[in-house]
C-alpha atoms as a PDB file:
ATOM      1  CA  MET A   1      22.028-224.868 182.960  1.00  0.00           C
ATOM      2  CA  ASN A   2      25.237-223.134 182.470  1.00  0.00           C
ATOM      3  CA  LYS A   3      27.966-224.002 183.904  1.00  0.00           C
ATOM      4  CA  THR A   4      31.026-221.495 184.748  1.00  0.00           C
ATOM      5  CA  GLY A   5      34.593-223.139 183.762  1.00  0.00           C
ATOM      6  CA  LEU A   6      36.728-222.445 186.811  1.00  0.00           C
ATOM      7  CA  SER A   7      40.668-221.097 186.198  1.00  0.00           C
ATOM      8  CA  TYR A   8      44.252-221.616 187.641  1.00  0.00           C
ATOM      9  CA  LYS A   9      43.572-218.288 188.556  1.00  0.00           C
ATOM     10  CA  GLU A  10      40.515-218.762 190.418  1.00  0.00           C
ATOM     11  CA  ALA A  11      41.921-221.729 192.417  1.00  0.00           C
ATOM     12  CA  GLY A  12      44.835-219.205 193.655  1.00  0.00           C
ATOM     13  CA  VAL A  13      47.595-219.900 191.215  1.00  0.00           C
ATOM     14  CA  ASP A  14      48.719-216.907 188.990  1.00  0.00           C
ATOM     15  CA  ILE A  15      50.338-217.795 185.842  1.00  0.00           C
ATOM     16  CA  ASP A  16      50.783-214.161 184.801  1.00  0.00           C
ATOM     17  CA  ALA A  17      52.279-212.619 188.040  1.00  0.00           C
ATOM     18  CA  ALA A  18      54.866-215.885 187.949  1.00  0.00           C
ATOM     19  CA  SER A  19      56.133-214.356 184.218  1.00  0.00           C
ATOM     20  CA  GLU A  20      55.905-211.080 185.688  1.00  0.00           C
ATOM     21  CA  SER A  21      58.360-212.317 188.311  1.00  0.00           C
ATOM     22  CA  VAL A  22      60.538-213.873 186.037  1.00  0.00           C
ATOM     23  CA  ASP A  23      60.938-210.702 183.816  1.00  0.00           C
ATOM     24  CA  MET A  24      61.805-208.783 186.707  1.00  0.00           C
ATOM     25  CA  ILE A  25      64.483-211.083 188.278  1.00  0.00           C
ATOM     26  CA  LYS A  26      66.264-211.394 185.378  1.00  0.00           C
ATOM     27  CA  LYS A  27      68.361-208.290 186.302  1.00  0.00           C
ATOM     28  CA  TRP A  28      69.771-209.585 189.407  1.00  0.00           C
ATOM     29  CA  VAL A  29      70.298-212.996 187.896  1.00  0.00           C
ATOM     30  CA  GLY A  30      72.492-211.577 185.330  1.00  0.00           C
ATOM     31  CA  MET A  31      74.396-209.998 188.057  1.00  0.00           C
ATOM     32  CA  THR A  32      75.899-212.501 189.540  1.00  0.00           C
ATOM     33  CA  ARG A  33      76.766-214.393 186.126  1.00  0.00           C
ATOM     34  CA  ARG A  34      80.018-216.407 185.657  1.00  0.00           C
ATOM     35  CA  PRO A  35      82.089-217.057 182.321  1.00  0.00           C
ATOM     36  CA  GLU A  36      81.155-220.981 182.768  1.00  0.00           C
ATOM     37  CA  VAL A  37      77.598-220.457 182.784  1.00  0.00           C
ATOM     38  CA  MET A  38      75.845-221.314 179.708  1.00  0.00           C
ATOM     39  CA  THR A  39      72.252-220.347 180.104  1.00  0.00           C
ATOM     40  CA  GLU A  40      70.014-217.850 180.465  1.00  0.00           C
ATOM     41  CA  ILE A  41      67.246-218.224 183.095  1.00  0.00           C
ATOM     42  CA  GLY A  42      64.171-219.807 182.109  1.00  0.00           C
ATOM     43  CA  SER A  43      66.008-223.103 180.947  1.00  0.00           C
ATOM     44  CA  PHE A  44      64.872-226.271 182.406  1.00  0.00           C
ATOM     45  CA  GLY A  45      68.211-227.072 183.931  1.00  0.00           C
ATOM     46  CA  GLY A  46      71.300-224.777 184.400  1.00  0.00           C
ATOM     47  CA  LEU A  47      74.237-225.553 182.694  1.00  0.00           C
ATOM     48  CA  PHE A  48      78.014-224.841 184.014  1.00  0.00           C
ATOM     49  CA  ALA A  49      81.038-225.584 182.392  1.00  0.00           C
ATOM     50  CA  LEU A  50      83.635-226.411 184.909  1.00  0.00           C
ATOM     51  CA  ASP A  51      86.888-225.574 183.751  1.00  0.00           C
ATOM     52  CA  THR A  52      88.658-228.746 184.732  1.00  0.00           C
ATOM     53  CA  SER A  53      91.913-227.455 183.394  1.00  0.00           C
ATOM     54  CA  LYS A  54      92.593-225.573 186.426  1.00  0.00           C
ATOM     55  CA  TYR A  55      92.438-228.452 188.706  1.00  0.00           C
ATOM     56  CA  LYS A  56      94.325-232.093 188.988  1.00  0.00           C
ATOM     57  CA  GLU A  57      91.387-233.760 190.210  1.00  0.00           C
ATOM     58  CA  PRO A  58      88.258-231.702 190.923  1.00  0.00           C
ATOM     59  CA  VAL A  59      85.659-232.352 193.945  1.00  0.00           C
ATOM     60  CA  LEU A  60      82.374-231.193 193.718  1.00  0.00           C
ATOM     61  CA  VAL A  61      81.153-230.000 197.231  1.00  0.00           C
ATOM     62  CA  SER A  62      77.668-229.221 197.872  1.00  0.00           C
ATOM     63  CA  GLY A  63      75.448-228.103 200.193  1.00  0.00           C
ATOM     64  CA  THR A  64      71.696-226.911 201.256  1.00  0.00           C
ATOM     65  CA  ASP A  65      70.065-224.885 203.735  1.00  0.00           C
ATOM     66  CA  GLY A  66      67.236-222.578 204.348  1.00  0.00           C
ATOM     67  CA  VAL A  67      66.848-219.470 206.411  1.00  0.00           C
ATOM     68  CA  GLY A  68      64.377-221.276 209.433  1.00  0.00           C
ATOM     69  CA  THR A  69      62.235-218.858 211.446  1.00  0.00           C
ATOM     70  CA  LYS A  70      64.007-215.742 210.313  1.00  0.00           C
ATOM     71  CA  LEU A  71      61.437-215.833 207.968  1.00  0.00           C
ATOM     72  CA  LYS A  72      58.899-215.082 210.560  1.00  0.00           C
ATOM     73  CA  ILE A  73      60.417-211.896 211.284  1.00  0.00           C
ATOM     74  CA  ALA A  74      60.854-210.856 207.698  1.00  0.00           C
ATOM     75  CA  GLN A  75      57.437-211.545 207.168  1.00  0.00           C
ATOM     76  CA  MET A  76      56.244-209.487 210.386  1.00  0.00           C
ATOM     77  CA  THR A  77      58.701-206.530 209.151  1.00  0.00           C
ATOM     78  CA  GLY A  78      57.651-206.729 205.546  1.00  0.00           C
ATOM     79  CA  VAL A  79      61.232-206.569 204.474  1.00  0.00           C
ATOM     80  CA  SER A  80      62.268-209.406 202.597  1.00  0.00           C
ATOM     81  CA  ASP A  81      65.575-208.985 200.875  1.00  0.00           C
ATOM     82  CA  THR A  82      68.188-209.619 203.863  1.00  0.00           C
ATOM     83  CA  VAL A  83      66.724-213.004 203.937  1.00  0.00           C
ATOM     84  CA  GLY A  84      68.464-213.808 200.388  1.00  0.00           C
ATOM     85  CA  ILE A  85      71.531-213.376 202.007  1.00  0.00           C
ATOM     86  CA  ASP A  86      71.054-215.449 204.683  1.00  0.00           C
ATOM     87  CA  LEU A  87      70.018-218.133 202.787  1.00  0.00           C
ATOM     88  CA  VAL A  88      73.244-217.984 200.626  1.00  0.00           C
ATOM     89  CA  ALA A  89      75.599-217.816 202.953  1.00  0.00           C
ATOM     90  CA  MET A  90      73.939-220.506 204.765  1.00  0.00           C
ATOM     91  CA  CYS A  91      74.959-222.469 201.410  1.00  0.00           C
ATOM     92  CA  VAL A  92      78.171-221.078 200.655  1.00  0.00           C
ATOM     93  CA  ASN A  93      79.834-221.024 204.101  1.00  0.00           C
ATOM     94  CA  ASP A  94      79.042-224.776 204.744  1.00  0.00           C
ATOM     95  CA  ILE A  95      80.728-225.820 201.492  1.00  0.00           C
ATOM     96  CA  LEU A  96      83.465-223.284 202.126  1.00  0.00           C
ATOM     97  CA  VAL A  97      84.565-225.245 205.733  1.00  0.00           C
ATOM     98  CA  HIS A  98      85.861-227.983 203.341  1.00  0.00           C
ATOM     99  CA  GLY A  99      88.020-225.412 201.380  1.00  0.00           C
ATOM    100  CA  ALA A 100      85.535-225.412 198.038  1.00  0.00           C
ATOM    101  CA  GLU A 101      85.221-222.318 196.280  1.00  0.00           C
ATOM    102  CA  PRO A 102      81.233-221.987 195.848  1.00  0.00           C
ATOM    103  CA  LEU A 103      80.509-222.143 191.831  1.00  0.00           C
ATOM    104  CA  PHE A 104      76.753-222.214 191.420  1.00  0.00           C
ATOM    105  CA  PHE A 105      73.685-221.223 193.436  1.00  0.00           C
ATOM    106  CA  LEU A 106      70.369-222.118 192.751  1.00  0.00           C
ATOM    107  CA  ASP A 107      67.336-221.098 195.207  1.00  0.00           C
ATOM    108  CA  TYR A 108      63.210-221.877 195.689  1.00  0.00           C
ATOM    109  CA  ILE A 109      60.954-219.606 196.779  1.00  0.00           C
ATOM    110  CA  ALA A 110      57.365-221.248 198.081  1.00  0.00           C
ATOM    111  CA  VAL A 111      54.766-218.856 198.909  1.00  0.00           C
ATOM    112  CA  GLY A 112      50.814-218.571 199.621  1.00  0.00           C
ATOM    113  CA  LYS A 113      50.173-215.653 196.901  1.00  0.00           C
ATOM    114  CA  LEU A 114      52.626-214.476 194.233  1.00  0.00           C
ATOM    115  CA  LYS A 115      53.370-210.975 194.525  1.00  0.00           C
ATOM    116  CA  PRO A 116      56.153-209.814 191.633  1.00  0.00           C
ATOM    117  CA  GLU A 117      57.650-207.335 193.920  1.00  0.00           C
ATOM    118  CA  ARG A 118      58.303-209.299 196.851  1.00  0.00           C
ATOM    119  CA  ILE A 119      59.887-212.523 194.947  1.00  0.00           C
ATOM    120  CA  GLU A 120      62.030-209.575 193.052  1.00  0.00           C
ATOM    121  CA  SER A 121      62.852-208.058 196.804  1.00  0.00           C
ATOM    122  CA  MET A 122      63.989-212.058 197.818  1.00  0.00           C
ATOM    123  CA  VAL A 123      66.013-212.663 194.262  1.00  0.00           C
ATOM    124  CA  LYS A 124      67.680-208.979 194.832  1.00  0.00           C
ATOM    125  CA  GLY A 125      69.036-210.642 198.138  1.00  0.00           C
ATOM    126  CA  VAL A 126      70.025-213.890 196.961  1.00  0.00           C
ATOM    127  CA  SER A 127      72.082-211.887 193.952  1.00  0.00           C
ATOM    128  CA  GLN A 128      73.825-209.720 196.069  1.00  0.00           C
ATOM    129  CA  GLY A 129      74.409-212.894 198.732  1.00  0.00           C
ATOM    130  CA  CYS A 130      76.181-215.019 195.050  1.00  0.00           C
ATOM    131  CA  MET A 131      77.897-211.757 193.887  1.00  0.00           C
ATOM    132  CA  GLN A 132      79.486-211.336 197.652  1.00  0.00           C
ATOM    133  CA  ALA A 133      80.651-215.038 197.400  1.00  0.00           C
ATOM    134  CA  GLY A 134      81.667-215.177 193.674  1.00  0.00           C
ATOM    135  CA  CYS A 135      79.001-217.510 192.605  1.00  0.00           C
ATOM    136  CA  ALA A 136      76.568-217.426 189.808  1.00  0.00           C
ATOM    137  CA  LEU A 137      72.891-217.603 190.500  1.00  0.00           C
ATOM    138  CA  ILE A 138      72.319-220.407 188.079  1.00  0.00           C
ATOM    139  CA  GLY A 139      68.474-221.005 188.063  1.00  0.00           C
ATOM    140  CA  GLY A 140      65.757-221.690 190.609  1.00  0.00           C
ATOM    141  CA  GLU A 141      62.482-222.540 191.240  1.00  0.00           C
ATOM    142  CA  THR A 142      59.137-220.248 192.776  1.00  0.00           C
ATOM    143  CA  ALA A 143      56.391-222.437 193.616  1.00  0.00           C
ATOM    144  CA  GLU A 144      52.618-220.601 194.141  1.00  0.00           C
ATOM    145  CA  MET A 145      50.646-222.666 196.714  1.00  0.00           C
ATOM    146  CA  PRO A 146      47.796-221.129 198.284  1.00  0.00           C
ATOM    147  CA  GLY A 147      45.949-223.430 201.171  1.00  0.00           C
ATOM    148  CA  LEU A 148      49.585-224.689 202.072  1.00  0.00           C
ATOM    149  CA  TYR A 149      51.272-221.028 202.717  1.00  0.00           C
ATOM    150  CA  ALA A 150      48.796-218.151 204.115  1.00  0.00           C
ATOM    151  CA  GLU A 151      48.735-215.196 201.671  1.00  0.00           C
ATOM    152  CA  ASP A 152      52.030-213.497 203.129  1.00  0.00           C
ATOM    153  CA  GLU A 153      53.985-216.625 204.374  1.00  0.00           C
ATOM    154  CA  TYR A 154      56.531-217.951 201.957  1.00  0.00           C
ATOM    155  CA  ASP A 155      59.678-220.498 202.492  1.00  0.00           C
ATOM    156  CA  LEU A 156      63.121-220.060 200.951  1.00  0.00           C
ATOM    157  CA  ALA A 157      66.101-222.880 200.270  1.00  0.00           C
ATOM    158  CA  GLY A 158      69.111-222.784 198.580  1.00  0.00           C
ATOM    159  CA  PHE A 159      71.340-225.072 197.081  1.00  0.00           C
ATOM    160  CA  ALA A 160      75.049-224.510 196.539  1.00  0.00           C
ATOM    161  CA  VAL A 161      77.538-226.128 194.420  1.00  0.00           C
ATOM    162  CA  GLY A 162      81.400-225.596 194.822  1.00  0.00           C
ATOM    163  CA  VAL A 163      85.176-227.019 194.007  1.00  0.00           C
ATOM    164  CA  VAL A 164      87.871-228.157 195.655  1.00  0.00           C
ATOM    165  CA  GLU A 165      91.633-229.674 194.337  1.00  0.00           C
ATOM    166  CA  ARG A 166      91.191-233.177 195.837  1.00  0.00           C
ATOM    167  CA  SER A 167      94.547-232.987 197.857  1.00  0.00           C
ATOM    168  CA  GLN A 168      93.198-229.552 199.197  1.00  0.00           C
ATOM    169  CA  ILE A 169      90.336-231.030 200.778  1.00  0.00           C
ATOM    170  CA  ILE A 170      89.741-229.469 204.466  1.00  0.00           C
ATOM    171  CA  ASP A 171      88.513-232.212 206.708  1.00  0.00           C
ATOM    172  CA  GLY A 172      89.810-231.517 210.427  1.00  0.00           C
ATOM    173  CA  SER A 173      91.889-235.278 209.860  1.00  0.00           C
ATOM    174  CA  LYS A 174      95.472-232.944 210.546  1.00  0.00           C
ATOM    175  CA  ILE A 175      94.611-231.630 213.260  1.00  0.00           C
ATOM    176  CA  GLU A 176      96.686-232.157 216.369  1.00  0.00           C
ATOM    177  CA  ASP A 177      97.166-231.031 220.161  1.00  0.00           C
ATOM    178  CA  HIS A 178      98.071-227.687 220.735  1.00  0.00           C
ATOM    179  CA  ASP A 179      96.499-226.196 217.220  1.00  0.00           C
ATOM    180  CA  ILE A 180      94.900-222.688 217.410  1.00  0.00           C
ATOM    181  CA  LEU A 181      91.577-221.733 217.094  1.00  0.00           C
ATOM    182  CA  ILE A 182      90.919-218.476 215.323  1.00  0.00           C
ATOM    183  CA  ALA A 183      87.764-216.980 215.379  1.00  0.00           C
ATOM    184  CA  LEU A 184      85.578-214.596 212.799  1.00  0.00           C
ATOM    185  CA  PRO A 185      83.056-212.439 214.435  1.00  0.00           C
ATOM    186  CA  SER A 186      79.645-212.686 213.354  1.00  0.00           C
ATOM    187  CA  SER A 187      77.499-209.774 212.144  1.00  0.00           C
ATOM    188  CA  GLY A 188      75.072-210.684 215.308  1.00  0.00           C
ATOM    189  CA  LEU A 189      72.513-213.586 215.093  1.00  0.00           C
ATOM    190  CA  HIS A 190      72.773-214.491 211.571  1.00  0.00           C
ATOM    191  CA  SER A 191      69.900-217.453 210.846  1.00  0.00           C
ATOM    192  CA  ASN A 192      69.542-219.826 213.841  1.00  0.00           C
ATOM    193  CA  GLY A 193      67.767-219.516 217.053  1.00  0.00           C
ATOM    194  CA  TYR A 194      64.734-217.267 215.983  1.00  0.00           C
ATOM    195  CA  SER A 195      62.458-219.595 217.587  1.00  0.00           C
ATOM    196  CA  LEU A 196      63.793-218.929 220.731  1.00  0.00           C
ATOM    197  CA  VAL A 197      64.264-215.265 219.760  1.00  0.00           C
ATOM    198  CA  ARG A 198      60.444-215.110 218.933  1.00  0.00           C
ATOM    199  CA  LYS A 199      59.463-216.822 222.315  1.00  0.00           C
ATOM    200  CA  VAL A 200      61.580-214.015 224.107  1.00  0.00           C
ATOM    201  CA  MET A 201      59.777-211.143 222.769  1.00  0.00           C
ATOM    202  CA  GLU A 202      56.449-213.319 223.486  1.00  0.00           C
ATOM    203  CA  LYS A 203      57.756-213.432 226.838  1.00  0.00           C
ATOM    204  CA  ALA A 204      59.106-209.651 227.594  1.00  0.00           C
ATOM    205  CA  GLY A 205      55.957-207.914 225.563  1.00  0.00           C
ATOM    206  CA  LEU A 206      59.009-206.575 222.613  1.00  0.00           C
ATOM    207  CA  GLY A 207      57.769-205.460 219.499  1.00  0.00           C
ATOM    208  CA  LEU A 208      59.774-205.446 216.024  1.00  0.00           C
ATOM    209  CA  ASP A 209      59.842-201.289 216.345  1.00  0.00           C
ATOM    210  CA  ASP A 210      61.491-201.298 219.756  1.00  0.00           C
ATOM    211  CA  GLU A 211      64.341-199.312 219.804  1.00  0.00           C
ATOM    212  CA  LEU A 212      66.546-201.364 222.760  1.00  0.00           C
ATOM    213  CA  PRO A 213      69.457-200.090 225.073  1.00  0.00           C
ATOM    214  CA  GLY A 214      72.632-201.131 223.654  1.00  0.00           C
ATOM    215  CA  LEU A 215      71.043-201.708 219.929  1.00  0.00           C
ATOM    216  CA  GLY A 216      70.881-198.254 218.817  1.00  0.00           C
ATOM    217  CA  LYS A 217      68.672-199.697 216.229  1.00  0.00           C
ATOM    218  CA  THR A 218      64.809-201.470 216.236  1.00  0.00           C
ATOM    219  CA  LEU A 219      64.770-204.874 217.281  1.00  0.00           C
ATOM    220  CA  GLY A 220      64.023-205.831 214.249  1.00  0.00           C
ATOM    221  CA  GLN A 221      66.512-204.281 212.199  1.00  0.00           C
ATOM    222  CA  GLU A 222      69.172-206.397 214.468  1.00  0.00           C
ATOM    223  CA  LEU A 223      67.089-209.228 213.643  1.00  0.00           C
ATOM    224  CA  LEU A 224      67.155-208.917 210.368  1.00  0.00           C
ATOM    225  CA  THR A 225      71.532-208.257 209.756  1.00  0.00           C
ATOM    226  CA  PRO A 226      72.087-210.238 207.555  1.00  0.00           C
ATOM    227  CA  THR A 227      74.686-213.930 207.786  1.00  0.00           C
ATOM    228  CA  ARG A 228      77.959-212.562 206.995  1.00  0.00           C
ATOM    229  CA  ILE A 229      79.277-214.602 204.000  1.00  0.00           C
ATOM    230  CA  TYR A 230      83.295-215.675 204.466  1.00  0.00           C
ATOM    231  CA  VAL A 231      84.040-216.893 200.968  1.00  0.00           C
ATOM    232  CA  LYS A 232      86.421-214.620 199.484  1.00  0.00           C
ATOM    233  CA  THR A 233      88.392-213.882 202.738  1.00  0.00           C
ATOM    234  CA  ILE A 234      88.859-217.558 203.661  1.00  0.00           C
ATOM    235  CA  LEU A 235      89.575-218.677 199.825  1.00  0.00           C
ATOM    236  CA  SER A 236      92.213-215.664 200.018  1.00  0.00           C
ATOM    237  CA  LEU A 237      93.649-216.867 203.208  1.00  0.00           C
ATOM    238  CA  LEU A 238      93.870-220.680 201.791  1.00  0.00           C
ATOM    239  CA  GLN A 239      96.157-219.226 199.138  1.00  0.00           C
ATOM    240  CA  GLN A 240      98.728-218.332 201.902  1.00  0.00           C
ATOM    241  CA  VAL A 241      98.196-220.314 204.982  1.00  0.00           C
ATOM    242  CA  GLU A 242      97.856-223.755 205.624  1.00  0.00           C
ATOM    243  CA  VAL A 243      94.024-224.567 207.617  1.00  0.00           C
ATOM    244  CA  LYS A 244      93.596-227.724 209.378  1.00  0.00           C
ATOM    245  CA  GLY A 245      89.984-227.692 209.809  1.00  0.00           C
ATOM    246  CA  MET A 246      86.976-225.180 209.865  1.00  0.00           C
ATOM    247  CA  ALA A 247      83.495-224.601 210.929  1.00  0.00           C
ATOM    248  CA  HIS A 248      80.795-222.995 210.362  1.00  0.00           C
ATOM    249  CA  ILE A 249      78.666-221.728 213.520  1.00  0.00           C
ATOM    250  CA  THR A 250      75.168-221.834 212.731  1.00  0.00           C
ATOM    251  CA  GLY A 251      72.442-223.982 214.564  1.00  0.00           C
ATOM    252  CA  GLY A 252      74.036-225.814 217.783  1.00  0.00           C
ATOM    253  CA  GLY A 253      76.334-222.627 218.169  1.00  0.00           C
ATOM    254  CA  ILE A 254      80.359-223.143 218.487  1.00  0.00           C
ATOM    255  CA  VAL A 255      80.244-226.134 220.524  1.00  0.00           C
ATOM    256  CA  GLU A 256      78.207-228.398 218.320  1.00  0.00           C
ATOM    257  CA  ASN A 257      79.692-227.108 215.397  1.00  0.00           C
ATOM    258  CA  LEU A 258      83.287-227.268 216.002  1.00  0.00           C
ATOM    259  CA  GLN A 259      82.788-230.334 217.615  1.00  0.00           C
ATOM    260  CA  ARG A 260      81.540-231.955 213.801  1.00  0.00           C
ATOM    261  CA  VAL A 261      85.272-231.021 212.662  1.00  0.00           C
ATOM    262  CA  LEU A 262      87.131-232.087 215.041  1.00  0.00           C
ATOM    263  CA  PRO A 263      89.084-236.115 215.124  1.00  0.00           C
ATOM    264  CA  SER A 264      88.145-238.690 217.355  1.00  0.00           C
ATOM    265  CA  GLY A 265      90.420-238.526 220.511  1.00  0.00           C
ATOM    266  CA  LEU A 266      90.637-234.440 220.679  1.00  0.00           C
ATOM    267  CA  GLY A 267      88.956-231.684 222.394  1.00  0.00           C
ATOM    268  CA  ALA A 268      88.694-227.928 222.217  1.00  0.00           C
ATOM    269  CA  LEU A 269      89.337-225.845 225.270  1.00  0.00           C
ATOM    270  CA  ILE A 270      87.296-222.078 224.538  1.00  0.00           C
ATOM    271  CA  ASP A 271      88.397-219.489 226.762  1.00  0.00           C
ATOM    272  CA  GLY A 272      84.911-217.572 226.970  1.00  0.00           C
ATOM    273  CA  ASP A 273      86.412-214.286 228.152  1.00  0.00           C
ATOM    274  CA  LYS A 274      87.881-214.214 224.519  1.00  0.00           C
ATOM    275  CA  ILE A 275      84.521-214.186 222.760  1.00  0.00           C
ATOM    276  CA  PRO A 276      83.225-210.291 222.276  1.00  0.00           C
ATOM    277  CA  VAL A 277      79.638-210.999 222.845  1.00  0.00           C
ATOM    278  CA  PRO A 278      77.290-208.547 220.921  1.00  0.00           C
ATOM    279  CA  PRO A 279      74.796-206.770 223.484  1.00  0.00           C
ATOM    280  CA  VAL A 280      71.731-208.316 221.601  1.00  0.00           C
ATOM    281  CA  PHE A 281      72.569-211.954 223.513  1.00  0.00           C
ATOM    282  CA  HIS A 282      73.180-210.239 226.500  1.00  0.00           C
ATOM    283  CA  LEU A 283      69.652-208.564 226.161  1.00  0.00           C
ATOM    284  CA  LEU A 284      68.099-211.837 224.887  1.00  0.00           C
ATOM    285  CA  GLN A 285      69.585-213.777 227.901  1.00  0.00           C
ATOM    286  CA  ASP A 286      68.367-211.457 230.806  1.00  0.00           C
ATOM    287  CA  LEU A 287      65.296-210.878 228.842  1.00  0.00           C
ATOM    288  CA  GLY A 288      64.782-214.623 228.276  1.00  0.00           C
ATOM    289  CA  GLY A 289      66.199-215.407 231.555  1.00  0.00           C
ATOM    290  CA  ILE A 290      68.297-218.308 229.616  1.00  0.00           C
ATOM    291  CA  PRO A 291      71.326-220.332 230.800  1.00  0.00           C
ATOM    292  CA  SER A 292      74.557-219.463 229.711  1.00  0.00           C
ATOM    293  CA  ALA A 293      74.786-223.529 228.499  1.00  0.00           C
ATOM    294  CA  GLU A 294      72.018-222.953 226.327  1.00  0.00           C
ATOM    295  CA  MET A 295      72.735-219.447 224.778  1.00  0.00           C
ATOM    296  CA  TYR A 296      76.072-221.341 223.221  1.00  0.00           C
ATOM    297  CA  ARG A 297      73.884-223.938 222.387  1.00  0.00           C
ATOM    298  CA  THR A 298      71.929-222.101 220.498  1.00  0.00           C
ATOM    299  CA  PHE A 299      73.766-218.878 219.446  1.00  0.00           C
ATOM    300  CA  ASN A 300      76.418-218.289 217.924  1.00  0.00           C
ATOM    301  CA  MET A 301      77.094-215.638 220.412  1.00  0.00           C
ATOM    302  CA  GLY A 302      79.001-213.250 218.114  1.00  0.00           C
ATOM    303  CA  ILE A 303      81.413-215.973 216.200  1.00  0.00           C
ATOM    304  CA  GLY A 304      80.272-217.036 212.695  1.00  0.00           C
ATOM    305  CA  PHE A 305      83.210-218.688 211.450  1.00  0.00           C
ATOM    306  CA  VAL A 306      86.082-220.440 213.316  1.00  0.00           C
ATOM    307  CA  LEU A 307      89.523-221.965 211.668  1.00  0.00           C
ATOM    308  CA  VAL A 308      92.229-224.166 213.044  1.00  0.00           C
ATOM    309  CA  VAL A 309      96.084-223.919 212.453  1.00  0.00           C
ATOM    310  CA  ALA A 310      99.366-224.780 213.864  1.00  0.00           C
ATOM    311  CA  PRO A 311     100.932-222.559 216.647  1.00  0.00           C
ATOM    312  CA  GLU A 312     103.331-221.413 214.074  1.00  0.00           C
ATOM    313  CA  LYS A 313     100.593-220.861 211.341  1.00  0.00           C
ATOM    314  CA  CYS A 314      98.846-218.397 213.739  1.00  0.00           C
ATOM    315  CA  SER A 315     101.031-215.385 213.255  1.00  0.00           C
ATOM    316  CA  GLY A 316     100.754-215.182 209.235  1.00  0.00           C
ATOM    317  CA  ALA A 317      96.799-216.182 209.538  1.00  0.00           C
ATOM    318  CA  LEU A 318      96.011-213.411 211.802  1.00  0.00           C
ATOM    319  CA  ASN A 319      98.062-210.690 209.854  1.00  0.00           C
ATOM    320  CA  HIS A 320      96.339-211.892 206.263  1.00  0.00           C
ATOM    321  CA  LEU A 321      92.728-211.728 207.884  1.00  0.00           C
ATOM    322  CA  GLN A 322      93.448-208.206 209.298  1.00  0.00           C
ATOM    323  CA  ASP A 323      95.030-207.255 205.861  1.00  0.00           C
ATOM    324  CA  LYS A 324      91.255-208.680 204.386  1.00  0.00           C
ATOM    325  CA  GLY A 325      89.465-206.420 206.652  1.00  0.00           C
ATOM    326  CA  GLU A 326      88.518-209.124 209.591  1.00  0.00           C
ATOM    327  CA  LYS A 327      89.049-208.786 213.208  1.00  0.00           C
ATOM    328  CA  PRO A 328      90.231-212.472 214.093  1.00  0.00           C
ATOM    329  CA  ILE A 329      90.587-213.614 217.549  1.00  0.00           C
ATOM    330  CA  ILE A 330      92.155-216.433 219.619  1.00  0.00           C
ATOM    331  CA  ILE A 331      89.475-217.971 221.628  1.00  0.00           C
ATOM    332  CA  GLY A 332      91.388-221.111 222.488  1.00  0.00           C
ATOM    333  CA  SER A 333      92.865-224.248 221.498  1.00  0.00           C
ATOM    334  CA  ILE A 334      93.068-228.271 220.491  1.00  0.00           C
ATOM    335  CA  SER A 335      93.292-230.084 223.584  1.00  0.00           C
ATOM    336  CA  ALA A 336      93.881-234.099 223.852  1.00  0.00           C
ATOM    337  CA  ARG A 337      92.910-233.792 227.502  1.00  0.00           C
ATOM    338  CA  GLU A 338      89.391-232.357 226.640  1.00  0.00           C
ATOM    339  CA  THR A 339      86.345-234.354 225.643  1.00  0.00           C
ATOM    340  CA  GLY A 340      84.598-232.224 223.272  1.00  0.00           C
ATOM    341  CA  VAL A 341      84.218-228.401 222.784  1.00  0.00           C
ATOM    342  CA  VAL A 342      84.760-226.999 226.463  1.00  0.00           C
ATOM    343  CA  ILE A 343      83.819-223.261 227.197  1.00  0.00           C
ATOM    344  CA  LYS A 344      85.527-222.154 230.492  1.00  0.00           C
END
C-alpha cells in the first residue's frame, strides 16, 4: 500500500511564500528605522534602546487597534496599501492624546492565503504611516490561516509604544470651565463606521466604482482615503503651547471620544454649524436616512482630533497650527452647565 505524505503547503500554509514576503518588505521596514533600533527584521523580538538621558521620568504609553471593517472595502477593491496607513494612524493618534511621542510600532497580518505582493503592499502602507508618525517599524508577524479566513480575506492589528515625560502627561485633569475646543479636520471617514457605510451602499445599490455628485472621485477612492496622522503637528504644538486635553475622534464620534477626557462635573458645548462636514457624510446620511444624532455617534463628521486649551492660549495655538499647514477650527467650549458633550 502506497502512502503519500502530506506537506504543510498542501494544508494551505506556504512557508516559502512567507520567506519571500519577508525579503520583499525589508526595504519598507528599513525606511522607518530610528537610531534607537537595535535589531533587524526577522529577530524573535524587536530591541529598542530608550534614550533615558532625554527624560527625568520617562513614562511609556502603549496603544493597540485595528482597521475594522474598512478592510472589507480594501478587499473588494484590491487596494491594500492605504489600510496600512490607517493601522498606524489608529494607534499613534491614540497615544498622542496623552502627549506621547510614538517610538516604535509592530504589526500583525492574518491572511487566508499568503500572497507576497499583497503583504508587501500592506507593509508599504504601514511603513508610510510610521514615517508620517516618526516611529520605527520594529517588528511584526504574518500568519497564514486557511480555513479561518477565505483566500482573499485578511485582518490587520497594530501596536504602538511611545514615551512622555511624567510631568507632561496630558490626561484632561487640568480642564476647566470656559476652556476652548479646537478641532483639526479629518481626511474623510478615517477608519470607523464602515459597517454602517456598507449597509447604506447595499440599501442604495451603490458600487465602489460609482462616481457620485460632490465627491470628485469614485466611492471606493473616497472610502479608502487614509486616516490622518497628527503626530508631528501636535508634538510641535506641545513645545509651544500648554494643551490641557486631547481626543482622537474615532468610533463613537465627537460625543463619545471627547467625553473620555473631560473631568467629572464638566461638559462640552459644541456649535454644529462650526463643523465643516465633508460631502461624503451628507451623502451617506441622505442615502441611508440616518438621523443626525446617529451620524454624530457613529462618524467623525469631518473632525479627526480635538484639543482643549485655556482661552488665553487659544490664539497662540491657532497660529502655530496654521503655520504647520493645519486648518484649525474653534468648535465650542467647556461648560460646567452642560452634562456630557452637547452638539447644537
